[in-house]
Amino acid sequence: MSNSDLSNISAASLRRAADISEEIEALREELAGILGGSSAPSKPSTSSAPAKTQKRKYTRRATTEAASTAAPAKKKKKRARKPLSPEALANIRAAQAKRWAKVRAGKK
């Protein structure tokens, strides 16, 4: 790719390309760890120690086993709401009006 091609690419596209490149590199390292290092890394490593791979916390098997062994959740009964008195509604509306007045005063 020439320099003129790179200047026509948006910043978002470049960021996305960099993200994809990082994902590919992480997957290559994970694959090398699974295969016992038989896969050659694309970039030479600066240290002589093998790269550690991150273990995934949540796998499909772990989540399905946990779901199958857990007790079924009990459904809570919904209580009927009491209607608010006109005085309570007036207090709530006044408090909300004060809050909005603060917000509007802060914008000026």
N, C-alpha and C. Protein backbone atom coordinates (compact mmCIF):
# COMPACT_ATOMS: atom_id res chain seq x y z
N MET A 1 0.85 -1.18 0.00
CA MET A 1 0.00 0.00 0.00
C MET A 1 0.89 1.23 0.00
N SER A 2 0.58 2.19 -0.85
CA SER A 2 1.43 3.37 -0.95
C SER A 2 1.00 4.42 0.07
N ASN A 3 1.83 5.45 0.23
CA ASN A 3 1.53 6.52 1.19
C ASN A 3 0.26 7.28 0.83
N SER A 4 -0.02 7.46 -0.46
CA SER A 4 -1.22 8.19 -0.85
C SER A 4 -2.48 7.41 -0.47
N ASP A 5 -2.41 6.07 -0.51
CA ASP A 5 -3.54 5.25 -0.09
C ASP A 5 -3.79 5.39 1.40
N LEU A 6 -2.74 5.47 2.19
CA LEU A 6 -2.88 5.60 3.64
C LEU A 6 -3.46 6.94 4.04
N SER A 7 -3.19 7.98 3.27
CA SER A 7 -3.70 9.30 3.62
C SER A 7 -5.20 9.42 3.36
N ASN A 8 -5.76 8.55 2.54
CA ASN A 8 -7.18 8.59 2.24
C ASN A 8 -8.03 7.78 3.21
N ILE A 9 -7.40 7.05 4.13
CA ILE A 9 -8.14 6.21 5.08
C ILE A 9 -8.49 7.05 6.30
N SER A 10 -9.71 6.88 6.79
CA SER A 10 -10.15 7.65 7.95
C SER A 10 -9.49 7.11 9.22
N ALA A 11 -9.50 7.93 10.26
CA ALA A 11 -8.91 7.54 11.54
C ALA A 11 -9.65 6.34 12.13
N ALA A 12 -10.96 6.31 11.97
CA ALA A 12 -11.74 5.20 12.50
C ALA A 12 -11.37 3.89 11.81
N SER A 13 -11.14 3.96 10.50
CA SER A 13 -10.75 2.76 9.76
C SER A 13 -9.37 2.28 10.20
N LEU A 14 -8.46 3.20 10.41
CA LEU A 14 -7.12 2.82 10.87
C LEU A 14 -7.18 2.20 12.26
N ARG A 15 -8.01 2.75 13.15
CA ARG A 15 -8.14 2.22 14.50
C ARG A 15 -8.72 0.81 14.44
N ARG A 16 -9.72 0.61 13.59
CA ARG A 16 -10.34 -0.71 13.43
C ARG A 16 -9.32 -1.71 12.89
N ALA A 17 -8.50 -1.28 11.94
CA ALA A 17 -7.47 -2.16 11.38
C ALA A 17 -6.45 -2.53 12.46
N ALA A 18 -6.08 -1.58 13.29
CA ALA A 18 -5.13 -1.86 14.37
C ALA A 18 -5.75 -2.83 15.38
N ASP A 19 -7.04 -2.64 15.69
CA ASP A 19 -7.72 -3.55 16.63
C ASP A 19 -7.74 -4.97 16.08
N ILE A 20 -8.05 -5.10 14.80
CA ILE A 20 -8.09 -6.43 14.19
C ILE A 20 -6.71 -7.06 14.20
N SER A 21 -5.70 -6.27 13.92
CA SER A 21 -4.33 -6.78 13.94
C SER A 21 -3.95 -7.28 15.33
N GLU A 22 -4.34 -6.54 16.37
CA GLU A 22 -4.06 -6.97 17.75
C GLU A 22 -4.80 -8.26 18.08
N GLU A 23 -6.05 -8.39 17.63
CA GLU A 23 -6.81 -9.60 17.87
C GLU A 23 -6.15 -10.80 17.19
N ILE A 24 -5.68 -10.60 15.97
CA ILE A 24 -5.02 -11.68 15.24
C ILE A 24 -3.77 -12.12 15.98
N GLU A 25 -3.00 -11.17 16.46
CA GLU A 25 -1.77 -11.50 17.19
C GLU A 25 -2.08 -12.27 18.47
N ALA A 26 -3.13 -11.85 19.19
CA ALA A 26 -3.52 -12.55 20.42
C ALA A 26 -3.97 -13.98 20.12
N LEU A 27 -4.70 -14.15 19.02
CA LEU A 27 -5.14 -15.49 18.64
C LEU A 27 -3.97 -16.37 18.22
N ARG A 28 -3.00 -15.78 17.55
CA ARG A 28 -1.81 -16.56 17.17
C ARG A 28 -1.06 -17.04 18.41
N GLU A 29 -0.94 -16.16 19.41
CA GLU A 29 -0.26 -16.54 20.65
C GLU A 29 -1.04 -17.63 21.37
N GLU A 30 -2.36 -17.52 21.38
CA GLU A 30 -3.20 -18.53 22.02
C GLU A 30 -3.05 -19.87 21.31
N LEU A 31 -3.03 -19.83 19.99
CA LEU A 31 -2.87 -21.05 19.21
C LEU A 31 -1.50 -21.68 19.47
N ALA A 32 -0.47 -20.87 19.56
CA ALA A 32 0.87 -21.38 19.85
C ALA A 32 0.89 -22.04 21.22
N GLY A 33 0.18 -21.46 22.19
CA GLY A 33 0.12 -22.06 23.51
C GLY A 33 -0.60 -23.39 23.50
N ILE A 34 -1.67 -23.49 22.72
CA ILE A 34 -2.44 -24.73 22.63
C ILE A 34 -1.62 -25.81 21.94
N LEU A 35 -0.94 -25.46 20.88
CA LEU A 35 -0.17 -26.43 20.11
C LEU A 35 1.22 -26.68 20.68
N GLY A 36 1.52 -26.08 21.80
CA GLY A 36 2.82 -26.30 22.42
C GLY A 36 3.93 -25.53 21.76
N GLY A 37 3.60 -24.40 21.18
CA GLY A 37 4.63 -23.56 20.59
C GLY A 37 5.06 -23.99 19.22
N SER A 38 4.34 -24.96 18.60
CA SER A 38 4.74 -25.41 17.28
C SER A 38 4.42 -24.39 16.19
N SER A 39 3.51 -23.48 16.48
CA SER A 39 3.18 -22.43 15.52
C SER A 39 4.17 -21.30 15.67
N ALA A 40 4.78 -20.87 14.59
CA ALA A 40 5.78 -19.81 14.65
C ALA A 40 5.09 -18.46 14.76
N PRO A 41 5.53 -17.60 15.71
CA PRO A 41 4.93 -16.27 15.81
C PRO A 41 5.34 -15.42 14.63
N SER A 42 4.49 -14.43 14.29
CA SER A 42 4.77 -13.59 13.13
C SER A 42 5.89 -12.59 13.41
N LYS A 43 6.03 -12.16 14.68
CA LYS A 43 7.08 -11.23 15.05
C LYS A 43 8.04 -11.92 16.00
N PRO A 44 9.34 -11.69 15.89
CA PRO A 44 10.26 -12.32 16.82
C PRO A 44 10.06 -11.78 18.23
N SER A 45 10.12 -12.67 19.19
CA SER A 45 9.92 -12.30 20.59
C SER A 45 11.19 -11.68 21.15
N THR A 46 11.05 -10.66 21.99
CA THR A 46 12.22 -10.01 22.58
C THR A 46 12.73 -10.77 23.79
N SER A 47 11.86 -11.56 24.44
CA SER A 47 12.30 -12.34 25.59
C SER A 47 12.37 -13.80 25.20
N SER A 48 13.16 -14.57 25.96
CA SER A 48 13.30 -15.98 25.65
C SER A 48 12.21 -16.81 26.31
N ALA A 49 11.45 -16.24 27.25
CA ALA A 49 10.37 -16.96 27.92
C ALA A 49 9.17 -17.09 26.98
N PRO A 50 8.45 -18.22 27.04
CA PRO A 50 7.27 -18.36 26.18
C PRO A 50 6.16 -17.42 26.61
N ALA A 51 5.36 -16.98 25.66
CA ALA A 51 4.28 -16.05 25.95
C ALA A 51 3.17 -16.78 26.71
N LYS A 52 2.67 -16.14 27.75
CA LYS A 52 1.57 -16.72 28.52
C LYS A 52 0.26 -16.37 27.82
N THR A 53 -0.62 -17.33 27.77
CA THR A 53 -1.92 -17.07 27.18
C THR A 53 -2.92 -16.84 28.29
N GLN A 54 -3.87 -16.00 28.03
CA GLN A 54 -4.89 -15.73 29.02
C GLN A 54 -5.94 -16.82 28.95
N LYS A 55 -6.34 -17.30 30.12
CA LYS A 55 -7.41 -18.28 30.16
C LYS A 55 -8.73 -17.56 30.20
N ARG A 56 -9.67 -18.07 29.49
CA ARG A 56 -10.98 -17.46 29.46
C ARG A 56 -11.74 -17.84 30.72
N LYS A 57 -12.35 -16.85 31.35
CA LYS A 57 -13.10 -17.11 32.57
C LYS A 57 -14.36 -17.90 32.29
N TYR A 58 -15.04 -17.54 31.25
CA TYR A 58 -16.34 -18.12 30.99
C TYR A 58 -16.31 -18.87 29.68
N THR A 59 -16.54 -20.14 29.77
CA THR A 59 -16.64 -20.95 28.57
C THR A 59 -18.06 -21.47 28.49
N ARG A 60 -18.43 -21.94 27.35
CA ARG A 60 -19.80 -22.43 27.16
C ARG A 60 -20.07 -23.60 28.11
N ARG A 61 -19.11 -24.50 28.26
CA ARG A 61 -19.30 -25.67 29.11
C ARG A 61 -19.46 -25.25 30.56
N ALA A 62 -18.63 -24.33 31.03
CA ALA A 62 -18.70 -23.90 32.42
C ALA A 62 -20.03 -23.23 32.72
N THR A 63 -20.52 -22.42 31.82
CA THR A 63 -21.77 -21.72 32.09
C THR A 63 -22.95 -22.67 32.01
N THR A 64 -22.94 -23.65 31.12
CA THR A 64 -24.06 -24.57 31.04
C THR A 64 -24.07 -25.53 32.22
N GLU A 65 -22.88 -25.96 32.68
CA GLU A 65 -22.83 -26.83 33.85
C GLU A 65 -23.32 -26.09 35.09
N ALA A 66 -22.92 -24.84 35.24
CA ALA A 66 -23.34 -24.06 36.39
C ALA A 66 -24.85 -23.84 36.35
N ALA A 67 -25.39 -23.62 35.18
CA ALA A 67 -26.83 -23.39 35.06
C ALA A 67 -27.61 -24.66 35.35
N SER A 68 -27.08 -25.81 34.97
CA SER A 68 -27.81 -27.06 35.18
C SER A 68 -27.76 -27.50 36.64
N THR A 69 -26.71 -27.13 37.39
CA THR A 69 -26.60 -27.54 38.79
C THR A 69 -27.27 -26.55 39.73
N ALA A 70 -27.50 -25.33 39.29
CA ALA A 70 -28.10 -24.32 40.16
C ALA A 70 -29.59 -24.59 40.33
N ALA A 71 -30.10 -24.23 41.51
CA ALA A 71 -31.52 -24.39 41.78
C ALA A 71 -32.31 -23.39 40.95
N PRO A 72 -33.49 -23.77 40.49
CA PRO A 72 -34.28 -22.82 39.71
C PRO A 72 -34.67 -21.61 40.57
N ALA A 73 -34.63 -20.46 39.95
CA ALA A 73 -34.94 -19.22 40.67
C ALA A 73 -36.44 -19.14 40.95
N LYS A 74 -36.76 -18.68 42.16
CA LYS A 74 -38.17 -18.52 42.52
C LYS A 74 -38.65 -17.17 42.03
N LYS A 75 -39.84 -17.16 41.48
CA LYS A 75 -40.40 -15.91 40.99
C LYS A 75 -41.02 -15.15 42.16
N LYS A 76 -40.73 -13.86 42.22
CA LYS A 76 -41.29 -13.03 43.27
C LYS A 76 -42.67 -12.56 42.85
N LYS A 77 -43.55 -12.51 43.82
CA LYS A 77 -44.88 -12.02 43.54
C LYS A 77 -44.85 -10.50 43.54
N LYS A 78 -45.51 -9.91 42.56
CA LYS A 78 -45.57 -8.45 42.49
C LYS A 78 -46.71 -7.96 43.36
N ARG A 79 -46.39 -6.98 44.19
CA ARG A 79 -47.43 -6.38 45.02
C ARG A 79 -48.09 -5.24 44.25
N ALA A 80 -49.37 -5.08 44.49
CA ALA A 80 -50.09 -3.97 43.88
C ALA A 80 -49.64 -2.67 44.53
N ARG A 81 -49.41 -1.65 43.72
CA ARG A 81 -48.98 -0.36 44.26
C ARG A 81 -50.16 0.41 44.81
N LYS A 82 -49.89 1.08 45.91
CA LYS A 82 -50.91 1.96 46.46
C LYS A 82 -50.88 3.25 45.65
N PRO A 83 -52.03 3.82 45.39
CA PRO A 83 -52.03 5.10 44.68
C PRO A 83 -51.50 6.20 45.60
N LEU A 84 -50.75 7.14 45.04
CA LEU A 84 -50.20 8.24 45.82
C LEU A 84 -51.28 9.30 46.05
N SER A 85 -51.17 9.91 47.19
CA SER A 85 -52.12 10.98 47.51
C SER A 85 -51.78 12.21 46.67
N PRO A 86 -52.74 13.10 46.49
CA PRO A 86 -52.46 14.32 45.73
C PRO A 86 -51.35 15.16 46.36
N GLU A 87 -51.27 15.15 47.70
CA GLU A 87 -50.21 15.91 48.38
C GLU A 87 -48.83 15.32 48.07
N ALA A 88 -48.75 13.99 48.08
CA ALA A 88 -47.47 13.34 47.79
C ALA A 88 -47.04 13.62 46.35
N LEU A 89 -47.99 13.53 45.43
CA LEU A 89 -47.68 13.84 44.03
C LEU A 89 -47.22 15.28 43.87
N ALA A 90 -47.85 16.21 44.60
CA ALA A 90 -47.45 17.62 44.52
C ALA A 90 -46.04 17.80 45.05
N ASN A 91 -45.69 17.10 46.13
CA ASN A 91 -44.34 17.19 46.69
C ASN A 91 -43.30 16.66 45.70
N ILE A 92 -43.61 15.54 45.07
CA ILE A 92 -42.68 14.94 44.10
C ILE A 92 -42.49 15.88 42.92
N ARG A 93 -43.57 16.45 42.42
CA ARG A 93 -43.48 17.37 41.28
C ARG A 93 -42.68 18.62 41.64
N ALA A 94 -42.89 19.14 42.86
CA ALA A 94 -42.15 20.34 43.28
C ALA A 94 -40.66 20.04 43.39
N ALA A 95 -40.31 18.88 43.96
CA ALA A 95 -38.91 18.51 44.09
C ALA A 95 -38.26 18.35 42.72
N GLN A 96 -38.98 17.73 41.79
CA GLN A 96 -38.44 17.56 40.44
C GLN A 96 -38.28 18.91 39.75
N ALA A 97 -39.22 19.81 39.96
CA ALA A 97 -39.11 21.15 39.36
C ALA A 97 -37.88 21.87 39.90
N LYS A 98 -37.59 21.70 41.20
CA LYS A 98 -36.38 22.31 41.77
C LYS A 98 -35.12 21.73 41.13
N ARG A 99 -35.10 20.41 40.93
CA ARG A 99 -33.93 19.77 40.32
C ARG A 99 -33.70 20.30 38.91
N TRP A 100 -34.77 20.42 38.14
CA TRP A 100 -34.64 20.92 36.78
C TRP A 100 -34.24 22.39 36.77
N ALA A 101 -34.70 23.15 37.75
CA ALA A 101 -34.31 24.57 37.85
C ALA A 101 -32.81 24.67 38.08
N LYS A 102 -32.27 23.78 38.92
CA LYS A 102 -30.81 23.76 39.17
C LYS A 102 -30.07 23.47 37.88
N VAL A 103 -30.56 22.49 37.13
CA VAL A 103 -29.88 22.11 35.88
C VAL A 103 -29.90 23.27 34.91
N ARG A 104 -31.06 23.89 34.77
CA ARG A 104 -31.17 25.01 33.84
C ARG A 104 -30.32 26.19 34.27
N ALA A 105 -30.24 26.43 35.57
CA ALA A 105 -29.42 27.54 36.08
C ALA A 105 -27.94 27.27 35.83
N GLY A 106 -27.53 26.01 35.88
CA GLY A 106 -26.13 25.65 35.64
C GLY A 106 -25.71 25.82 34.20
N LYS A 107 -26.64 25.74 33.27
CA LYS A 107 -26.33 25.85 31.84
C LYS A 107 -26.12 27.29 31.41
N LYS A 108 -26.65 28.24 32.18
CA LYS A 108 -26.56 29.65 31.79
C LYS A 108 -25.23 30.23 32.12
